[in-house]
Amino acid sequence: MKPIVLATDGSPSAAEATLHAIDLARTLGAPLVAVAVEHVDVPSYGYFGYANLVAEMTKIEREHVDETLEQAKAVATEAGVSCAVMHLTGPVAEAICTAAQRQNAQMIVIGAHGWGSLGRLWHGSVSMAVVHDAHCPVLVVRGGPEVLLEPVPAQEEASVQ
């Protein structure tokens, strides 16, 4: 049976995606492969202490990825779903898609940050990049209640005639 790949970063929407991926894996009798990507964006210029800063940022990111994968595996195991983990490095969307293809995944499950159009413009969207580049179907899961960055249209008052 082809696995379901869960792409997680430990965010609230990734937590929601984890629950969906586990439920899908259990329902389909498919193995689950949780992937998280270690990716540190650092400026290309240096200054005194720069190497130490980069090393510390990399260490923090590595630990975060390991903790995120451990948590996803623990939740899956508690639910009775077999879960392998993959600690990846590199450009995030590319690493997720490459891992899914190498695993011959039947589906990728990933969280959506829900930043809205302004946030996506500023931060980019890993989930949208995965949707466009993946070799298999992608389920994008929204997290719980989130802060809206876009204006909410005012409700029209009913006119009484």
N, C-alpha and C. Protein backbone atom coordinates (compact mmCIF):
# COMPACT_ATOMS: atom_id res chain seq x y z
N MET A 1 0.85 -1.18 0.00
CA MET A 1 0.00 0.00 0.00
C MET A 1 0.89 1.24 0.00
N LYS A 2 0.56 2.18 -0.85
CA LYS A 2 1.32 3.43 -0.92
C LYS A 2 1.08 4.25 0.34
N PRO A 3 2.13 4.90 0.85
CA PRO A 3 1.96 5.68 2.08
C PRO A 3 1.31 7.04 1.84
N ILE A 4 0.83 7.59 2.93
CA ILE A 4 0.39 8.98 2.96
C ILE A 4 1.53 9.76 3.59
N VAL A 5 1.93 10.84 2.95
CA VAL A 5 3.00 11.69 3.48
C VAL A 5 2.37 12.88 4.18
N LEU A 6 2.73 13.04 5.44
CA LEU A 6 2.31 14.20 6.23
C LEU A 6 3.47 15.18 6.27
N ALA A 7 3.27 16.37 5.74
CA ALA A 7 4.28 17.42 5.82
C ALA A 7 3.92 18.31 7.00
N THR A 8 4.81 18.40 7.98
CA THR A 8 4.50 19.14 9.20
C THR A 8 5.63 20.08 9.58
N ASP A 9 5.24 21.18 10.21
CA ASP A 9 6.23 22.13 10.74
C ASP A 9 5.94 22.48 12.20
N GLY A 10 4.97 21.79 12.79
CA GLY A 10 4.64 22.04 14.19
C GLY A 10 3.67 23.18 14.42
N SER A 11 3.20 23.82 13.37
CA SER A 11 2.27 24.94 13.50
C SER A 11 0.87 24.43 13.82
N PRO A 12 -0.06 25.33 14.23
CA PRO A 12 -1.43 24.90 14.49
C PRO A 12 -2.11 24.25 13.28
N SER A 13 -1.88 24.78 12.09
CA SER A 13 -2.50 24.16 10.91
C SER A 13 -1.86 22.81 10.62
N ALA A 14 -0.57 22.65 10.93
CA ALA A 14 0.09 21.35 10.75
C ALA A 14 -0.45 20.34 11.75
N ALA A 15 -0.79 20.79 12.95
CA ALA A 15 -1.39 19.89 13.94
C ALA A 15 -2.73 19.37 13.45
N GLU A 16 -3.51 20.24 12.86
CA GLU A 16 -4.79 19.83 12.28
C GLU A 16 -4.57 18.88 11.12
N ALA A 17 -3.57 19.15 10.29
CA ALA A 17 -3.24 18.27 9.17
C ALA A 17 -2.79 16.90 9.68
N THR A 18 -2.08 16.88 10.80
CA THR A 18 -1.63 15.61 11.39
C THR A 18 -2.82 14.74 11.73
N LEU A 19 -3.82 15.33 12.35
CA LEU A 19 -5.02 14.57 12.71
C LEU A 19 -5.73 14.02 11.47
N HIS A 20 -5.83 14.82 10.42
CA HIS A 20 -6.45 14.37 9.17
C HIS A 20 -5.64 13.25 8.53
N ALA A 21 -4.31 13.40 8.50
CA ALA A 21 -3.45 12.39 7.88
C ALA A 21 -3.55 11.07 8.63
N ILE A 22 -3.58 11.12 9.94
CA ILE A 22 -3.70 9.90 10.74
C ILE A 22 -5.04 9.23 10.48
N ASP A 23 -6.10 10.03 10.44
CA ASP A 23 -7.43 9.48 10.17
C ASP A 23 -7.48 8.83 8.79
N LEU A 24 -6.91 9.49 7.79
CA LEU A 24 -6.88 8.92 6.44
C LEU A 24 -6.07 7.62 6.40
N ALA A 25 -4.90 7.63 7.02
CA ALA A 25 -4.05 6.44 7.03
C ALA A 25 -4.77 5.27 7.70
N ARG A 26 -5.43 5.55 8.81
CA ARG A 26 -6.16 4.50 9.53
C ARG A 26 -7.31 3.97 8.66
N THR A 27 -8.08 4.87 8.07
CA THR A 27 -9.22 4.49 7.24
C THR A 27 -8.80 3.67 6.02
N LEU A 28 -7.69 4.08 5.38
CA LEU A 28 -7.24 3.41 4.17
C LEU A 28 -6.31 2.22 4.45
N GLY A 29 -5.90 2.07 5.71
CA GLY A 29 -4.95 1.01 6.04
C GLY A 29 -3.58 1.27 5.44
N ALA A 30 -3.24 2.54 5.27
CA ALA A 30 -1.98 2.94 4.64
C ALA A 30 -0.96 3.34 5.70
N PRO A 31 0.32 3.13 5.42
CA PRO A 31 1.33 3.64 6.33
C PRO A 31 1.41 5.16 6.22
N LEU A 32 1.90 5.77 7.28
CA LEU A 32 2.06 7.22 7.33
C LEU A 32 3.55 7.54 7.39
N VAL A 33 3.97 8.52 6.62
CA VAL A 33 5.34 9.00 6.67
C VAL A 33 5.28 10.49 6.98
N ALA A 34 5.75 10.86 8.16
CA ALA A 34 5.78 12.28 8.55
C ALA A 34 7.12 12.87 8.13
N VAL A 35 7.06 14.00 7.43
CA VAL A 35 8.28 14.69 7.01
C VAL A 35 8.26 16.11 7.55
N ALA A 36 9.43 16.58 7.94
CA ALA A 36 9.60 17.97 8.35
C ALA A 36 10.94 18.43 7.76
N VAL A 37 10.99 19.69 7.39
CA VAL A 37 12.14 20.19 6.66
C VAL A 37 12.90 21.21 7.50
N GLU A 38 14.17 20.94 7.66
CA GLU A 38 15.07 21.88 8.33
C GLU A 38 15.54 22.88 7.27
N HIS A 39 15.19 24.12 7.49
CA HIS A 39 15.55 25.16 6.51
C HIS A 39 15.80 26.46 7.27
N VAL A 40 17.01 26.94 7.20
CA VAL A 40 17.36 28.17 7.89
C VAL A 40 17.69 29.22 6.84
N ASP A 41 16.90 30.29 6.81
CA ASP A 41 17.18 31.42 5.93
C ASP A 41 18.10 32.37 6.67
N VAL A 42 19.29 32.55 6.13
CA VAL A 42 20.24 33.48 6.74
C VAL A 42 20.73 34.44 5.68
N PRO A 43 21.01 35.67 6.08
CA PRO A 43 21.54 36.63 5.11
C PRO A 43 22.92 36.17 4.64
N SER A 44 23.28 36.57 3.43
CA SER A 44 24.54 36.11 2.85
C SER A 44 25.74 36.98 3.22
N TYR A 45 25.56 37.95 4.06
CA TYR A 45 26.69 38.77 4.48
C TYR A 45 27.14 38.33 5.87
N GLY A 46 28.36 38.65 6.21
CA GLY A 46 28.89 38.22 7.50
C GLY A 46 29.37 39.39 8.33
N TYR A 47 29.55 39.16 9.59
CA TYR A 47 30.07 40.14 10.53
C TYR A 47 30.65 39.36 11.69
N PHE A 48 31.24 40.03 12.63
CA PHE A 48 31.84 39.35 13.77
C PHE A 48 30.78 38.54 14.51
N GLY A 49 31.03 37.28 14.70
CA GLY A 49 30.09 36.42 15.38
C GLY A 49 29.04 35.80 14.47
N TYR A 50 29.10 36.09 13.18
CA TYR A 50 28.11 35.60 12.23
C TYR A 50 28.07 34.07 12.18
N ALA A 51 29.23 33.44 12.14
CA ALA A 51 29.29 31.98 12.07
C ALA A 51 28.62 31.34 13.30
N ASN A 52 28.84 31.94 14.46
CA ASN A 52 28.21 31.41 15.67
C ASN A 52 26.69 31.56 15.62
N LEU A 53 26.23 32.68 15.09
CA LEU A 53 24.80 32.92 14.95
C LEU A 53 24.16 31.88 14.03
N VAL A 54 24.79 31.65 12.88
CA VAL A 54 24.27 30.67 11.92
C VAL A 54 24.25 29.28 12.55
N ALA A 55 25.32 28.92 13.25
CA ALA A 55 25.38 27.61 13.90
C ALA A 55 24.28 27.45 14.94
N GLU A 56 24.02 28.49 15.70
CA GLU A 56 22.98 28.43 16.72
C GLU A 56 21.58 28.34 16.09
N MET A 57 21.35 29.11 15.03
CA MET A 57 20.06 29.07 14.34
C MET A 57 19.82 27.68 13.74
N THR A 58 20.87 27.09 13.18
CA THR A 58 20.77 25.76 12.60
C THR A 58 20.47 24.72 13.67
N LYS A 59 21.12 24.83 14.81
CA LYS A 59 20.89 23.90 15.92
C LYS A 59 19.44 23.99 16.41
N ILE A 60 18.94 25.20 16.57
CA ILE A 60 17.57 25.41 17.04
C ILE A 60 16.58 24.82 16.03
N GLU A 61 16.81 25.06 14.75
CA GLU A 61 15.93 24.54 13.71
C GLU A 61 15.97 23.00 13.68
N ARG A 62 17.14 22.42 13.80
CA ARG A 62 17.28 20.96 13.80
C ARG A 62 16.51 20.36 14.97
N GLU A 63 16.65 20.95 16.15
CA GLU A 63 15.94 20.46 17.34
C GLU A 63 14.43 20.59 17.16
N HIS A 64 13.98 21.69 16.58
CA HIS A 64 12.55 21.90 16.34
C HIS A 64 12.00 20.83 15.39
N VAL A 65 12.73 20.55 14.33
CA VAL A 65 12.28 19.52 13.37
C VAL A 65 12.20 18.16 14.06
N ASP A 66 13.21 17.81 14.83
CA ASP A 66 13.20 16.52 15.54
C ASP A 66 12.03 16.42 16.51
N GLU A 67 11.77 17.48 17.27
CA GLU A 67 10.65 17.49 18.22
C GLU A 67 9.31 17.39 17.48
N THR A 68 9.20 18.08 16.37
CA THR A 68 7.97 18.05 15.58
C THR A 68 7.69 16.65 15.06
N LEU A 69 8.73 15.98 14.56
CA LEU A 69 8.58 14.62 14.06
C LEU A 69 8.25 13.64 15.18
N GLU A 70 8.91 13.80 16.32
CA GLU A 70 8.62 12.93 17.47
C GLU A 70 7.17 13.06 17.90
N GLN A 71 6.68 14.30 17.92
CA GLN A 71 5.29 14.53 18.32
C GLN A 71 4.31 13.91 17.33
N ALA A 72 4.56 14.09 16.03
CA ALA A 72 3.67 13.51 15.02
C ALA A 72 3.66 11.99 15.13
N LYS A 73 4.82 11.39 15.33
CA LYS A 73 4.91 9.94 15.46
C LYS A 73 4.17 9.45 16.71
N ALA A 74 4.31 10.18 17.80
CA ALA A 74 3.64 9.80 19.05
C ALA A 74 2.12 9.84 18.89
N VAL A 75 1.61 10.87 18.25
CA VAL A 75 0.16 10.99 18.04
C VAL A 75 -0.33 9.85 17.14
N ALA A 76 0.42 9.55 16.09
CA ALA A 76 0.03 8.46 15.18
C ALA A 76 0.07 7.12 15.90
N THR A 77 1.12 6.88 16.66
CA THR A 77 1.26 5.62 17.39
C THR A 77 0.12 5.44 18.38
N GLU A 78 -0.22 6.51 19.07
CA GLU A 78 -1.34 6.46 20.03
C GLU A 78 -2.65 6.12 19.33
N ALA A 79 -2.77 6.54 18.07
CA ALA A 79 -3.99 6.27 17.30
C ALA A 79 -3.92 4.90 16.61
N GLY A 80 -2.82 4.18 16.80
CA GLY A 80 -2.69 2.87 16.20
C GLY A 80 -2.25 2.88 14.75
N VAL A 81 -1.61 3.97 14.31
CA VAL A 81 -1.16 4.09 12.93
C VAL A 81 0.36 4.02 12.89
N SER A 82 0.89 3.16 12.01
CA SER A 82 2.33 3.05 11.82
C SER A 82 2.84 4.35 11.18
N CYS A 83 3.90 4.91 11.75
CA CYS A 83 4.41 6.20 11.25
C CYS A 83 5.93 6.20 11.22
N ALA A 84 6.47 6.36 10.02
CA ALA A 84 7.91 6.57 9.85
C ALA A 84 8.13 8.07 9.80
N VAL A 85 9.33 8.51 10.11
CA VAL A 85 9.64 9.94 10.05
C VAL A 85 10.84 10.19 9.16
N MET A 86 10.84 11.37 8.53
CA MET A 86 11.95 11.79 7.68
C MET A 86 12.31 13.23 8.01
N HIS A 87 13.54 13.42 8.47
CA HIS A 87 14.08 14.75 8.75
C HIS A 87 14.78 15.20 7.46
N LEU A 88 14.20 16.20 6.81
CA LEU A 88 14.70 16.66 5.52
C LEU A 88 15.40 18.00 5.66
N THR A 89 16.20 18.35 4.67
CA THR A 89 16.85 19.67 4.63
C THR A 89 16.68 20.24 3.22
N GLY A 90 16.80 21.56 3.13
CA GLY A 90 16.75 22.22 1.84
C GLY A 90 15.53 23.09 1.67
N PRO A 91 15.30 23.52 0.43
CA PRO A 91 14.09 24.30 0.15
C PRO A 91 12.86 23.47 0.51
N VAL A 92 11.96 24.03 1.28
CA VAL A 92 10.90 23.27 1.93
C VAL A 92 9.98 22.55 0.95
N ALA A 93 9.34 23.26 0.06
CA ALA A 93 8.38 22.62 -0.86
C ALA A 93 9.07 21.58 -1.72
N GLU A 94 10.24 21.88 -2.21
CA GLU A 94 10.98 20.94 -3.05
C GLU A 94 11.32 19.66 -2.28
N ALA A 95 11.76 19.81 -1.03
CA ALA A 95 12.12 18.65 -0.21
C ALA A 95 10.89 17.78 0.06
N ILE A 96 9.75 18.40 0.33
CA ILE A 96 8.51 17.65 0.57
C ILE A 96 8.12 16.86 -0.67
N CYS A 97 8.11 17.52 -1.81
CA CYS A 97 7.70 16.86 -3.06
C CYS A 97 8.66 15.74 -3.45
N THR A 98 9.95 15.96 -3.28
CA THR A 98 10.95 14.93 -3.60
C THR A 98 10.77 13.72 -2.69
N ALA A 99 10.58 13.96 -1.39
CA ALA A 99 10.38 12.85 -0.45
C ALA A 99 9.12 12.07 -0.80
N ALA A 100 8.04 12.78 -1.12
CA ALA A 100 6.78 12.11 -1.47
C ALA A 100 6.95 11.25 -2.72
N GLN A 101 7.67 11.77 -3.69
CA GLN A 101 7.89 11.01 -4.92
C GLN A 101 8.75 9.78 -4.65
N ARG A 102 9.80 9.93 -3.86
CA ARG A 102 10.66 8.79 -3.53
C ARG A 102 9.92 7.72 -2.72
N GLN A 103 8.95 8.15 -1.92
CA GLN A 103 8.14 7.21 -1.13
C GLN A 103 6.99 6.63 -1.95
N ASN A 104 6.83 7.14 -3.18
CA ASN A 104 5.71 6.75 -4.03
C ASN A 104 4.38 6.96 -3.29
N ALA A 105 4.26 8.14 -2.69
CA ALA A 105 3.10 8.47 -1.86
C ALA A 105 1.83 8.52 -2.69
N GLN A 106 0.74 8.09 -2.07
CA GLN A 106 -0.56 8.22 -2.72
C GLN A 106 -1.15 9.61 -2.51
N MET A 107 -0.65 10.31 -1.47
CA MET A 107 -1.18 11.63 -1.15
C MET A 107 -0.23 12.34 -0.19
N ILE A 108 -0.22 13.67 -0.28
CA ILE A 108 0.47 14.52 0.69
C ILE A 108 -0.59 15.27 1.47
N VAL A 109 -0.45 15.31 2.78
CA VAL A 109 -1.34 16.10 3.63
C VAL A 109 -0.49 17.18 4.27
N ILE A 110 -0.92 18.43 4.13
CA ILE A 110 -0.13 19.57 4.61
C ILE A 110 -1.07 20.63 5.18
N GLY A 111 -0.61 21.37 6.15
CA GLY A 111 -1.40 22.44 6.73
C GLY A 111 -1.27 23.73 5.93
N ALA A 112 -2.28 24.57 6.05
CA ALA A 112 -2.27 25.90 5.43
C ALA A 112 -2.22 26.92 6.56
N HIS A 113 -1.35 27.87 6.45
CA HIS A 113 -1.23 28.87 7.51
C HIS A 113 -2.44 29.79 7.59
N GLY A 114 -3.11 30.00 6.48
CA GLY A 114 -4.29 30.86 6.51
C GLY A 114 -3.96 32.32 6.73
N TRP A 115 -2.84 32.77 6.18
CA TRP A 115 -2.43 34.17 6.36
C TRP A 115 -3.27 35.13 5.54
N GLY A 116 -3.98 34.66 4.56
CA GLY A 116 -4.70 35.55 3.67
C GLY A 116 -3.80 36.02 2.55
N SER A 117 -4.35 36.79 1.62
CA SER A 117 -3.59 37.17 0.43
C SER A 117 -2.39 38.05 0.75
N LEU A 118 -2.50 38.94 1.70
CA LEU A 118 -1.37 39.80 2.06
C LEU A 118 -0.24 38.98 2.67
N GLY A 119 -0.57 38.07 3.55
CA GLY A 119 0.44 37.21 4.17
C GLY A 119 1.13 36.31 3.16
N ARG A 120 0.33 35.75 2.23
CA ARG A 120 0.93 34.89 1.20
C ARG A 120 1.87 35.69 0.33
N LEU A 121 1.51 36.94 0.02
CA LEU A 121 2.38 37.78 -0.80
C LEU A 121 3.71 38.01 -0.10
N TRP A 122 3.66 38.24 1.20
CA TRP A 122 4.87 38.53 1.97
C TRP A 122 5.68 37.27 2.26
N HIS A 123 5.03 36.20 2.72
CA HIS A 123 5.73 35.00 3.18
C HIS A 123 5.83 33.90 2.14
N GLY A 124 5.01 33.94 1.12
CA GLY A 124 4.94 32.82 0.19
C GLY A 124 4.08 31.72 0.80
N SER A 125 3.86 30.69 0.06
CA SER A 125 3.01 29.62 0.56
C SER A 125 3.62 28.28 0.20
N VAL A 126 4.10 27.58 1.21
CA VAL A 126 4.67 26.25 1.00
C VAL A 126 3.58 25.33 0.48
N SER A 127 2.39 25.38 1.09
CA SER A 127 1.33 24.46 0.67
C SER A 127 0.96 24.67 -0.79
N MET A 128 0.91 25.91 -1.26
CA MET A 128 0.58 26.15 -2.66
C MET A 128 1.69 25.66 -3.59
N ALA A 129 2.93 25.82 -3.18
CA ALA A 129 4.05 25.31 -3.98
C ALA A 129 3.99 23.79 -4.07
N VAL A 130 3.64 23.14 -2.96
CA VAL A 130 3.51 21.68 -2.96
C VAL A 130 2.36 21.26 -3.87
N VAL A 131 1.24 21.96 -3.81
CA VAL A 131 0.10 21.65 -4.68
C VAL A 131 0.53 21.69 -6.14
N HIS A 132 1.31 22.69 -6.50
CA HIS A 132 1.73 22.86 -7.91
C HIS A 132 2.82 21.87 -8.34
N ASP A 133 3.67 21.43 -7.40
CA ASP A 133 4.83 20.62 -7.79
C ASP A 133 4.71 19.14 -7.47
N ALA A 134 3.75 18.73 -6.68
CA ALA A 134 3.65 17.34 -6.25
C ALA A 134 3.24 16.42 -7.39
N HIS A 135 3.71 15.19 -7.32
CA HIS A 135 3.36 14.17 -8.31
C HIS A 135 2.04 13.47 -7.98
N CYS A 136 1.49 13.75 -6.81
CA CYS A 136 0.30 13.06 -6.33
C CYS A 136 -0.70 14.08 -5.78
N PRO A 137 -1.91 13.65 -5.43
CA PRO A 137 -2.87 14.59 -4.85
C PRO A 137 -2.35 15.18 -3.53
N VAL A 138 -2.79 16.40 -3.25
CA VAL A 138 -2.39 17.11 -2.03
C VAL A 138 -3.65 17.58 -1.31
N LEU A 139 -3.73 17.25 -0.02
CA LEU A 139 -4.82 17.74 0.82
C LEU A 139 -4.25 18.86 1.68
N VAL A 140 -4.79 20.07 1.51
CA VAL A 140 -4.36 21.22 2.30
C VAL A 140 -5.41 21.44 3.38
N VAL A 141 -4.96 21.38 4.65
CA VAL A 141 -5.86 21.45 5.79
C VAL A 141 -5.69 22.77 6.52
N ARG A 142 -6.79 23.47 6.68
CA ARG A 142 -6.75 24.72 7.45
C ARG A 142 -6.76 24.38 8.93
N GLY A 143 -6.10 25.22 9.71
CA GLY A 143 -6.10 25.05 11.16
C GLY A 143 -7.39 25.57 11.76
N GLY A 144 -7.39 25.72 13.06
CA GLY A 144 -8.55 26.23 13.78
C GLY A 144 -8.76 27.70 13.51
N PRO A 145 -9.50 28.37 14.39
CA PRO A 145 -9.77 29.80 14.21
C PRO A 145 -8.46 30.59 14.11
N GLU A 146 -8.40 31.43 13.12
CA GLU A 146 -7.19 32.21 12.89
C GLU A 146 -7.55 33.69 12.77
N VAL A 147 -6.57 34.51 12.98
CA VAL A 147 -6.75 35.95 12.84
C VAL A 147 -6.84 36.28 11.36
N LEU A 148 -7.86 37.03 10.98
CA LEU A 148 -8.01 37.42 9.59
C LEU A 148 -7.20 38.68 9.33
N LEU A 149 -6.41 38.64 8.26
CA LEU A 149 -5.64 39.82 7.89
C LEU A 149 -6.32 40.61 6.79
N GLU A 150 -7.39 40.03 6.25
CA GLU A 150 -8.13 40.71 5.20
C GLU A 150 -9.37 41.34 5.81
N PRO A 151 -9.80 42.47 5.28
CA PRO A 151 -11.01 43.09 5.81
C PRO A 151 -12.21 42.18 5.62
N VAL A 152 -13.04 42.14 6.62
CA VAL A 152 -14.27 41.35 6.55
C VAL A 152 -15.37 42.27 6.07
N PRO A 153 -16.10 41.89 5.00
CA PRO A 153 -17.16 42.77 4.50
C PRO A 153 -18.25 42.95 5.55
N ALA A 154 -18.73 44.16 5.65
CA ALA A 154 -19.80 44.47 6.59
C ALA A 154 -21.08 43.78 6.13
N GLN A 155 -21.85 43.33 7.11
CA GLN A 155 -23.13 42.71 6.77
C GLN A 155 -24.10 43.78 6.34
N GLU A 156 -24.85 43.44 5.31
CA GLU A 156 -25.86 44.40 4.83
C GLU A 156 -27.07 44.32 5.76
N GLU A 157 -27.58 45.47 6.11
CA GLU A 157 -28.78 45.50 6.94
C GLU A 157 -29.99 45.23 6.07
N ALA A 158 -30.88 44.44 6.58
CA ALA A 158 -32.11 44.15 5.84
C ALA A 158 -32.97 45.41 5.82
N SER A 159 -33.40 45.77 4.66
CA SER A 159 -34.25 46.95 4.58
C SER A 159 -35.71 46.55 4.78
N VAL A 160 -36.39 47.32 5.53
CA VAL A 160 -37.80 47.08 5.81
C VAL A 160 -38.62 47.99 4.92
N GLN A 161 -39.50 47.38 4.13
CA GLN A 161 -40.31 48.20 3.23
C GLN A 161 -41.75 48.03 3.54
